[in-house]
Amino acid sequence: MGWVGPPPIVAPTNVLAIISLVSALIAIPLLPVILGHLSLGQINRTGEGGRGMAIAGLVLGYLSIAGWFLLFLLVLAVGLSGI
């Protein structure tokens, strides 16, 4: 076996992207959106990894906000209808 060379350099994962995804998975509505946008900015600036996690956190965060908003509208409609 010959000399293979040094292992490839792997960019570290952005911590805010990890927190964004984890907070989205436990259904905290606003935190993943804020952290997702912050982490995407840091990833673009520094070249860190974690872009997919940041985007997943954003998508799940926005879906969570939309779900809570629809639930609020449903409760409001039922309350106003007098059922």
C-alpha atoms as a PDB file:
ATOM      1  CA  MET A   1       0.000   0.000   0.000  1.00  0.00           C
ATOM      2  CA  GLY A   2       1.318   3.406  -0.887  1.00  0.00           C
ATOM      3  CA  TRP A   3       1.015   6.750   0.782  1.00  0.00           C
ATOM      4  CA  VAL A   4      -2.605   7.884   0.702  1.00  0.00           C
ATOM      5  CA  GLY A   5      -2.218  11.403   1.999  1.00  0.00           C
ATOM      6  CA  PRO A   6      -3.874  13.358   4.754  1.00  0.00           C
ATOM      7  CA  PRO A   7      -7.586  12.951   5.413  1.00  0.00           C
ATOM      8  CA  PRO A   8      -9.854  15.525   3.761  1.00  0.00           C
ATOM      9  CA  ILE A   9     -10.645  18.660   5.688  1.00  0.00           C
ATOM     10  CA  VAL A  10     -14.315  18.712   6.687  1.00  0.00           C
ATOM     11  CA  ALA A  11     -15.966  22.042   7.417  1.00  0.00           C
ATOM     12  CA  PRO A  12     -17.500  22.212  10.891  1.00  0.00           C
ATOM     13  CA  THR A  13     -21.277  22.263  11.150  1.00  0.00           C
ATOM     14  CA  ASN A  14     -22.859  25.555  12.121  1.00  0.00           C
ATOM     15  CA  VAL A  15     -24.218  25.312  15.672  1.00  0.00           C
ATOM     16  CA  LEU A  16     -27.158  27.626  14.993  1.00  0.00           C
ATOM     17  CA  ALA A  17     -28.268  25.331  12.166  1.00  0.00           C
ATOM     18  CA  ILE A  18     -28.286  22.377  14.553  1.00  0.00           C
ATOM     19  CA  ILE A  19     -30.250  24.311  17.179  1.00  0.00           C
ATOM     20  CA  SER A  20     -32.681  25.525  14.499  1.00  0.00           C
ATOM     21  CA  LEU A  21     -33.415  21.983  13.354  1.00  0.00           C
ATOM     22  CA  VAL A  22     -33.718  20.575  16.889  1.00  0.00           C
ATOM     23  CA  SER A  23     -36.030  23.381  18.022  1.00  0.00           C
ATOM     24  CA  ALA A  24     -38.166  22.853  14.907  1.00  0.00           C
ATOM     25  CA  LEU A  25     -38.437  19.148  15.650  1.00  0.00           C
ATOM     26  CA  ILE A  26     -39.738  19.854  19.150  1.00  0.00           C
ATOM     27  CA  ALA A  27     -42.239  22.336  17.659  1.00  0.00           C
ATOM     28  CA  ILE A  28     -41.056  25.657  19.020  1.00  0.00           C
ATOM     29  CA  PRO A  29     -42.593  27.925  16.376  1.00  0.00           C
ATOM     30  CA  LEU A  30     -40.515  31.117  16.187  1.00  0.00           C
ATOM     31  CA  LEU A  31     -37.031  30.064  17.312  1.00  0.00           C
ATOM     32  CA  PRO A  32     -36.154  27.845  14.315  1.00  0.00           C
ATOM     33  CA  VAL A  33     -37.084  30.586  11.868  1.00  0.00           C
ATOM     34  CA  ILE A  34     -34.877  33.161  13.550  1.00  0.00           C
ATOM     35  CA  LEU A  35     -31.964  30.781  14.053  1.00  0.00           C
ATOM     36  CA  GLY A  36     -32.335  29.343  10.556  1.00  0.00           C
ATOM     37  CA  HIS A  37     -31.962  32.752   8.951  1.00  0.00           C
ATOM     38  CA  LEU A  38     -29.042  33.650  11.215  1.00  0.00           C
ATOM     39  CA  SER A  39     -27.279  30.373  10.502  1.00  0.00           C
ATOM     40  CA  LEU A  40     -27.724  30.697   6.726  1.00  0.00           C
ATOM     41  CA  GLY A  41     -26.059  34.096   6.915  1.00  0.00           C
ATOM     42  CA  GLN A  42     -23.177  32.672   8.931  1.00  0.00           C
ATOM     43  CA  ILE A  43     -22.844  29.678   6.604  1.00  0.00           C
ATOM     44  CA  ASN A  44     -22.664  31.932   3.540  1.00  0.00           C
ATOM     45  CA  ARG A  45     -20.088  34.133   5.261  1.00  0.00           C
ATOM     46  CA  THR A  46     -17.846  31.453   6.811  1.00  0.00           C
ATOM     47  CA  GLY A  47     -18.314  28.411   4.576  1.00  0.00           C
ATOM     48  CA  GLU A  48     -19.389  26.153   7.451  1.00  0.00           C
ATOM     49  CA  GLY A  49     -21.536  23.095   6.899  1.00  0.00           C
ATOM     50  CA  GLY A  50     -25.143  22.670   7.965  1.00  0.00           C
ATOM     51  CA  ARG A  51     -26.988  24.452   5.168  1.00  0.00           C
ATOM     52  CA  GLY A  52     -29.471  21.582   4.829  1.00  0.00           C
ATOM     53  CA  MET A  53     -30.186  21.579   8.551  1.00  0.00           C
ATOM     54  CA  ALA A  54     -30.752  25.326   8.521  1.00  0.00           C
ATOM     55  CA  ILE A  55     -33.178  25.062   5.600  1.00  0.00           C
ATOM     56  CA  ALA A  56     -34.991  22.134   7.227  1.00  0.00           C
ATOM     57  CA  GLY A  57     -35.305  24.158  10.435  1.00  0.00           C
ATOM     58  CA  LEU A  58     -36.697  27.095   8.461  1.00  0.00           C
ATOM     59  CA  VAL A  59     -39.239  24.974   6.596  1.00  0.00           C
ATOM     60  CA  LEU A  60     -40.425  23.176   9.719  1.00  0.00           C
ATOM     61  CA  GLY A  61     -40.513  26.444  11.656  1.00  0.00           C
ATOM     62  CA  TYR A  62     -42.649  28.158   9.025  1.00  0.00           C
ATOM     63  CA  LEU A  63     -44.947  25.115   8.839  1.00  0.00           C
ATOM     64  CA  SER A  64     -45.296  25.193  12.612  1.00  0.00           C
ATOM     65  CA  ILE A  65     -46.203  28.885  12.553  1.00  0.00           C
ATOM     66  CA  ALA A  66     -48.752  28.248   9.787  1.00  0.00           C
ATOM     67  CA  GLY A  67     -50.234  25.348  11.764  1.00  0.00           C
ATOM     68  CA  TRP A  68     -50.631  27.436  14.907  1.00  0.00           C
ATOM     69  CA  PHE A  69     -52.169  30.250  12.858  1.00  0.00           C
ATOM     70  CA  LEU A  70     -54.686  27.867  11.250  1.00  0.00           C
ATOM     71  CA  LEU A  71     -55.520  26.409  14.666  1.00  0.00           C
ATOM     72  CA  PHE A  72     -56.090  29.934  15.978  1.00  0.00           C
ATOM     73  CA  LEU A  73     -58.405  30.708  13.039  1.00  0.00           C
ATOM     74  CA  LEU A  74     -60.317  27.471  13.616  1.00  0.00           C
ATOM     75  CA  VAL A  75     -60.789  28.198  17.315  1.00  0.00           C
ATOM     76  CA  LEU A  76     -61.832  31.760  16.476  1.00  0.00           C
ATOM     77  CA  ALA A  77     -64.351  30.575  13.859  1.00  0.00           C
ATOM     78  CA  VAL A  78     -65.850  28.007  16.214  1.00  0.00           C
ATOM     79  CA  GLY A  79     -66.030  30.586  18.983  1.00  0.00           C
ATOM     80  CA  LEU A  80     -67.734  33.161  16.794  1.00  0.00           C
ATOM     81  CA  SER A  81     -70.217  30.674  15.379  1.00  0.00           C
ATOM     82  CA  GLY A  82     -71.525  29.865  18.846  1.00  0.00           C
ATOM     83  CA  ILE A  83     -71.128  26.096  18.614  1.00  0.00           C
END
